[in-house]
Amino acid sequence: MLKPLGDRVMIEVAQEEEKTVGGLVLASAAKERPQTGTVIAVGEGRVLDNGELAAVSVKVGDTVLFEKYAGSEVKYDGKEYLIFSAKDIVAIVE
C-alpha cells in the first residue's frame, strides 16, 4: 500500500451514480467529480517551524468532504485514489 508523506492524506473516492432530472444515468465522462471519500492512509504530519510535529486531524476510516479540484489522482492495484494535503479537507462526515 502507498504511504503519504508529511501532512498528505490518501482517500478512496466515493463512487456515486448521477442521474439527470429525467432519470437518465450520466456517463462517467459527464459526471462531476465527487467530493467525498474514505481515508485510506494518513501521513505522519507537518513539521512546524519550532521542529514539533503537527498531527493530521483525520484518521484511517473517516469519511471526509474535500475541496472539489484538490489533489492528485493515483491508480494503484486497479483502484483510483486521491492524494492531497490535509488542508484541502473541509469536513469529516459523521
N, C-alpha and C. Protein backbone atom coordinates (compact mmCIF):
# COMPACT_ATOMS: atom_id res chain seq x y z
N MET A 1 0.84 -1.18 0.00
CA MET A 1 0.00 0.00 0.00
C MET A 1 0.88 1.24 0.00
N LEU A 2 0.35 2.32 -0.51
CA LEU A 2 1.06 3.59 -0.54
C LEU A 2 0.94 4.30 0.81
N LYS A 3 1.99 4.99 1.23
CA LYS A 3 2.00 5.73 2.49
C LYS A 3 2.29 7.20 2.17
N PRO A 4 1.30 8.09 2.39
CA PRO A 4 1.53 9.51 2.13
C PRO A 4 2.59 10.09 3.05
N LEU A 5 3.30 11.10 2.59
CA LEU A 5 4.33 11.76 3.39
C LEU A 5 3.80 13.08 3.94
N GLY A 6 4.39 13.53 5.04
CA GLY A 6 4.04 14.82 5.63
C GLY A 6 2.59 14.88 6.05
N ASP A 7 1.91 15.98 5.66
CA ASP A 7 0.51 16.16 6.05
C ASP A 7 -0.44 15.74 4.94
N ARG A 8 0.00 14.85 4.10
CA ARG A 8 -0.84 14.39 2.99
C ARG A 8 -1.76 13.25 3.44
N VAL A 9 -2.89 13.15 2.75
CA VAL A 9 -3.91 12.15 3.05
C VAL A 9 -4.27 11.44 1.76
N MET A 10 -4.48 10.13 1.83
CA MET A 10 -4.89 9.35 0.66
C MET A 10 -6.31 8.87 0.90
N ILE A 11 -7.20 9.14 -0.06
CA ILE A 11 -8.58 8.71 0.09
C ILE A 11 -9.04 7.89 -1.11
N GLU A 12 -10.03 7.06 -0.85
CA GLU A 12 -10.72 6.35 -1.92
C GLU A 12 -11.99 7.14 -2.17
N VAL A 13 -12.15 7.63 -3.39
CA VAL A 13 -13.27 8.50 -3.73
C VAL A 13 -14.56 7.69 -3.78
N ALA A 14 -15.62 8.26 -3.21
CA ALA A 14 -16.93 7.62 -3.23
C ALA A 14 -17.45 7.60 -4.66
N GLN A 15 -17.93 6.46 -5.10
CA GLN A 15 -18.49 6.33 -6.44
C GLN A 15 -19.99 6.54 -6.35
N GLU A 16 -20.45 7.66 -6.87
CA GLU A 16 -21.86 7.99 -6.81
C GLU A 16 -22.45 7.95 -8.21
N GLU A 17 -23.60 7.32 -8.34
CA GLU A 17 -24.27 7.27 -9.63
C GLU A 17 -25.06 8.56 -9.79
N GLU A 18 -24.81 9.28 -10.87
CA GLU A 18 -25.50 10.54 -11.10
C GLU A 18 -26.59 10.34 -12.13
N LYS A 19 -27.76 10.90 -11.84
CA LYS A 19 -28.89 10.85 -12.76
C LYS A 19 -29.36 12.25 -13.05
N THR A 20 -29.90 12.42 -14.26
CA THR A 20 -30.50 13.69 -14.62
C THR A 20 -31.88 13.77 -13.99
N VAL A 21 -32.51 14.95 -14.10
CA VAL A 21 -33.85 15.13 -13.56
C VAL A 21 -34.82 14.14 -14.20
N GLY A 22 -34.60 13.82 -15.47
CA GLY A 22 -35.45 12.87 -16.20
C GLY A 22 -35.17 11.42 -15.88
N GLY A 23 -34.14 11.13 -15.07
CA GLY A 23 -33.83 9.77 -14.68
C GLY A 23 -32.76 9.08 -15.50
N LEU A 24 -32.13 9.78 -16.44
CA LEU A 24 -31.07 9.18 -17.23
C LEU A 24 -29.78 9.11 -16.42
N VAL A 25 -29.07 7.98 -16.48
CA VAL A 25 -27.80 7.82 -15.78
C VAL A 25 -26.72 8.44 -16.66
N LEU A 26 -25.91 9.32 -16.06
CA LEU A 26 -24.85 10.00 -16.81
C LEU A 26 -23.64 9.10 -17.00
N ALA A 27 -22.99 9.23 -18.15
CA ALA A 27 -21.75 8.51 -18.41
C ALA A 27 -20.66 9.08 -17.51
N SER A 28 -19.64 8.29 -17.22
CA SER A 28 -18.60 8.74 -16.30
C SER A 28 -17.91 10.01 -16.77
N ALA A 29 -17.80 10.23 -18.06
CA ALA A 29 -17.14 11.43 -18.58
C ALA A 29 -17.98 12.69 -18.32
N ALA A 30 -19.29 12.54 -18.17
CA ALA A 30 -20.17 13.69 -17.97
C ALA A 30 -20.40 14.01 -16.50
N LYS A 31 -19.96 13.14 -15.62
CA LYS A 31 -20.17 13.34 -14.19
C LYS A 31 -19.23 14.38 -13.62
N GLU A 32 -19.71 15.06 -12.58
CA GLU A 32 -18.80 15.93 -11.83
C GLU A 32 -18.02 15.06 -10.86
N ARG A 33 -16.85 15.53 -10.51
CA ARG A 33 -16.00 14.77 -9.60
C ARG A 33 -16.62 14.75 -8.20
N PRO A 34 -16.76 13.57 -7.57
CA PRO A 34 -17.31 13.50 -6.22
C PRO A 34 -16.42 14.26 -5.24
N GLN A 35 -17.03 14.72 -4.15
CA GLN A 35 -16.29 15.49 -3.17
C GLN A 35 -16.21 14.78 -1.82
N THR A 36 -16.60 13.52 -1.77
CA THR A 36 -16.47 12.76 -0.53
C THR A 36 -15.68 11.49 -0.79
N GLY A 37 -15.08 10.99 0.28
CA GLY A 37 -14.32 9.76 0.17
C GLY A 37 -13.93 9.25 1.53
N THR A 38 -13.35 8.06 1.55
CA THR A 38 -12.92 7.42 2.78
C THR A 38 -11.40 7.48 2.88
N VAL A 39 -10.91 7.88 4.04
CA VAL A 39 -9.47 7.99 4.26
C VAL A 39 -8.87 6.58 4.31
N ILE A 40 -7.88 6.34 3.46
CA ILE A 40 -7.21 5.04 3.37
C ILE A 40 -5.87 5.06 4.08
N ALA A 41 -5.16 6.19 4.00
CA ALA A 41 -3.85 6.32 4.64
C ALA A 41 -3.59 7.78 4.97
N VAL A 42 -2.81 8.01 6.03
CA VAL A 42 -2.51 9.36 6.51
C VAL A 42 -1.01 9.47 6.76
N GLY A 43 -0.42 10.60 6.36
CA GLY A 43 0.99 10.87 6.63
C GLY A 43 1.20 11.15 8.11
N GLU A 44 2.47 11.27 8.51
CA GLU A 44 2.80 11.45 9.92
C GLU A 44 2.51 12.85 10.43
N GLY A 45 2.34 13.83 9.55
CA GLY A 45 2.02 15.20 9.96
C GLY A 45 3.02 16.20 9.40
N ARG A 46 2.74 17.46 9.65
CA ARG A 46 3.57 18.55 9.15
C ARG A 46 4.53 19.01 10.25
N VAL A 47 5.77 19.27 9.87
CA VAL A 47 6.77 19.76 10.82
C VAL A 47 6.62 21.28 10.93
N LEU A 48 6.40 21.76 12.15
CA LEU A 48 6.25 23.19 12.40
C LEU A 48 7.61 23.88 12.43
N ASP A 49 7.60 25.21 12.43
CA ASP A 49 8.85 25.98 12.45
C ASP A 49 9.70 25.69 13.68
N ASN A 50 9.05 25.34 14.81
CA ASN A 50 9.80 25.05 16.04
C ASN A 50 10.29 23.60 16.11
N GLY A 51 10.05 22.83 15.05
CA GLY A 51 10.52 21.45 14.99
C GLY A 51 9.52 20.41 15.48
N GLU A 52 8.41 20.87 16.07
CA GLU A 52 7.39 19.91 16.54
C GLU A 52 6.57 19.40 15.37
N LEU A 53 5.96 18.25 15.58
CA LEU A 53 5.15 17.62 14.55
C LEU A 53 3.67 17.90 14.82
N ALA A 54 2.99 18.52 13.84
CA ALA A 54 1.55 18.77 13.95
C ALA A 54 0.83 17.60 13.29
N ALA A 55 0.13 16.81 14.09
CA ALA A 55 -0.55 15.62 13.58
C ALA A 55 -1.70 16.00 12.66
N VAL A 56 -2.03 15.13 11.73
CA VAL A 56 -3.15 15.32 10.82
C VAL A 56 -4.44 15.05 11.61
N SER A 57 -5.47 15.84 11.36
CA SER A 57 -6.70 15.77 12.17
C SER A 57 -7.69 14.70 11.73
N VAL A 58 -7.36 13.91 10.71
CA VAL A 58 -8.23 12.80 10.31
C VAL A 58 -7.50 11.49 10.51
N LYS A 59 -8.27 10.39 10.55
CA LYS A 59 -7.66 9.08 10.73
C LYS A 59 -8.20 8.12 9.68
N VAL A 60 -7.54 7.01 9.51
CA VAL A 60 -7.96 5.99 8.55
C VAL A 60 -9.38 5.55 8.90
N GLY A 61 -10.23 5.49 7.88
CA GLY A 61 -11.61 5.07 8.06
C GLY A 61 -12.60 6.23 8.09
N ASP A 62 -12.12 7.46 8.32
CA ASP A 62 -13.00 8.63 8.33
C ASP A 62 -13.54 8.88 6.93
N THR A 63 -14.81 9.32 6.85
CA THR A 63 -15.38 9.78 5.60
C THR A 63 -15.26 11.30 5.61
N VAL A 64 -14.67 11.85 4.56
CA VAL A 64 -14.38 13.28 4.54
C VAL A 64 -14.98 13.97 3.32
N LEU A 65 -15.19 15.27 3.47
CA LEU A 65 -15.61 16.14 2.39
C LEU A 65 -14.39 16.99 2.05
N PHE A 66 -14.04 17.09 0.76
CA PHE A 66 -12.82 17.79 0.39
C PHE A 66 -13.07 18.78 -0.74
N GLU A 67 -12.12 19.68 -0.94
CA GLU A 67 -12.21 20.69 -1.99
C GLU A 67 -12.42 20.01 -3.34
N LYS A 68 -13.24 20.60 -4.18
CA LYS A 68 -13.66 19.99 -5.44
C LYS A 68 -12.52 19.57 -6.37
N TYR A 69 -11.53 20.41 -6.57
CA TYR A 69 -10.47 20.07 -7.53
C TYR A 69 -9.13 19.84 -6.84
N ALA A 70 -9.16 19.45 -5.60
CA ALA A 70 -7.93 19.22 -4.84
C ALA A 70 -7.31 17.88 -5.20
N GLY A 71 -6.02 17.78 -4.99
CA GLY A 71 -5.34 16.51 -5.03
C GLY A 71 -4.86 16.02 -6.37
N SER A 72 -4.12 14.93 -6.28
CA SER A 72 -3.58 14.25 -7.44
C SER A 72 -4.21 12.87 -7.53
N GLU A 73 -4.67 12.52 -8.72
CA GLU A 73 -5.26 11.20 -8.91
C GLU A 73 -4.15 10.17 -9.07
N VAL A 74 -4.32 9.03 -8.39
CA VAL A 74 -3.33 7.96 -8.42
C VAL A 74 -4.06 6.64 -8.63
N LYS A 75 -3.54 5.80 -9.53
CA LYS A 75 -4.08 4.45 -9.70
C LYS A 75 -3.09 3.48 -9.09
N TYR A 76 -3.58 2.60 -8.22
CA TYR A 76 -2.72 1.62 -7.55
C TYR A 76 -3.51 0.34 -7.37
N ASP A 77 -2.98 -0.78 -7.82
CA ASP A 77 -3.64 -2.08 -7.74
C ASP A 77 -5.05 -2.06 -8.32
N GLY A 78 -5.24 -1.34 -9.43
CA GLY A 78 -6.52 -1.32 -10.11
C GLY A 78 -7.57 -0.41 -9.50
N LYS A 79 -7.23 0.32 -8.46
CA LYS A 79 -8.18 1.24 -7.83
C LYS A 79 -7.69 2.67 -7.99
N GLU A 80 -8.64 3.60 -7.99
CA GLU A 80 -8.28 5.01 -8.09
C GLU A 80 -8.35 5.67 -6.72
N TYR A 81 -7.34 6.48 -6.42
CA TYR A 81 -7.25 7.19 -5.16
C TYR A 81 -6.91 8.65 -5.43
N LEU A 82 -7.11 9.48 -4.43
CA LEU A 82 -6.66 10.87 -4.45
C LEU A 82 -5.68 11.06 -3.31
N ILE A 83 -4.61 11.79 -3.56
CA ILE A 83 -3.66 12.16 -2.51
C ILE A 83 -3.60 13.68 -2.49
N PHE A 84 -3.85 14.27 -1.32
CA PHE A 84 -3.79 15.72 -1.20
C PHE A 84 -3.43 16.13 0.20
N SER A 85 -3.16 17.42 0.34
CA SER A 85 -2.79 17.98 1.64
C SER A 85 -4.00 17.99 2.57
N ALA A 86 -3.76 17.78 3.85
CA ALA A 86 -4.84 17.75 4.84
C ALA A 86 -5.60 19.07 4.88
N LYS A 87 -4.98 20.17 4.48
CA LYS A 87 -5.67 21.47 4.50
C LYS A 87 -6.79 21.53 3.47
N ASP A 88 -6.82 20.61 2.48
CA ASP A 88 -7.87 20.58 1.49
C ASP A 88 -9.12 19.84 1.97
N ILE A 89 -9.06 19.25 3.16
CA ILE A 89 -10.22 18.59 3.74
C ILE A 89 -11.09 19.66 4.40
N VAL A 90 -12.36 19.69 4.02
CA VAL A 90 -13.27 20.70 4.51
C VAL A 90 -13.97 20.24 5.78
N ALA A 91 -14.35 18.94 5.84
CA ALA A 91 -15.09 18.44 6.99
C ALA A 91 -15.01 16.92 7.07
N ILE A 92 -15.29 16.40 8.26
CA ILE A 92 -15.44 14.96 8.48
C ILE A 92 -16.94 14.68 8.50
N VAL A 93 -17.38 13.72 7.70
CA VAL A 93 -18.79 13.37 7.65
C VAL A 93 -19.09 12.35 8.73
N GLU A 94 -20.03 12.66 9.61
CA GLU A 94 -20.39 11.75 10.71
C GLU A 94 -21.73 11.13 10.51
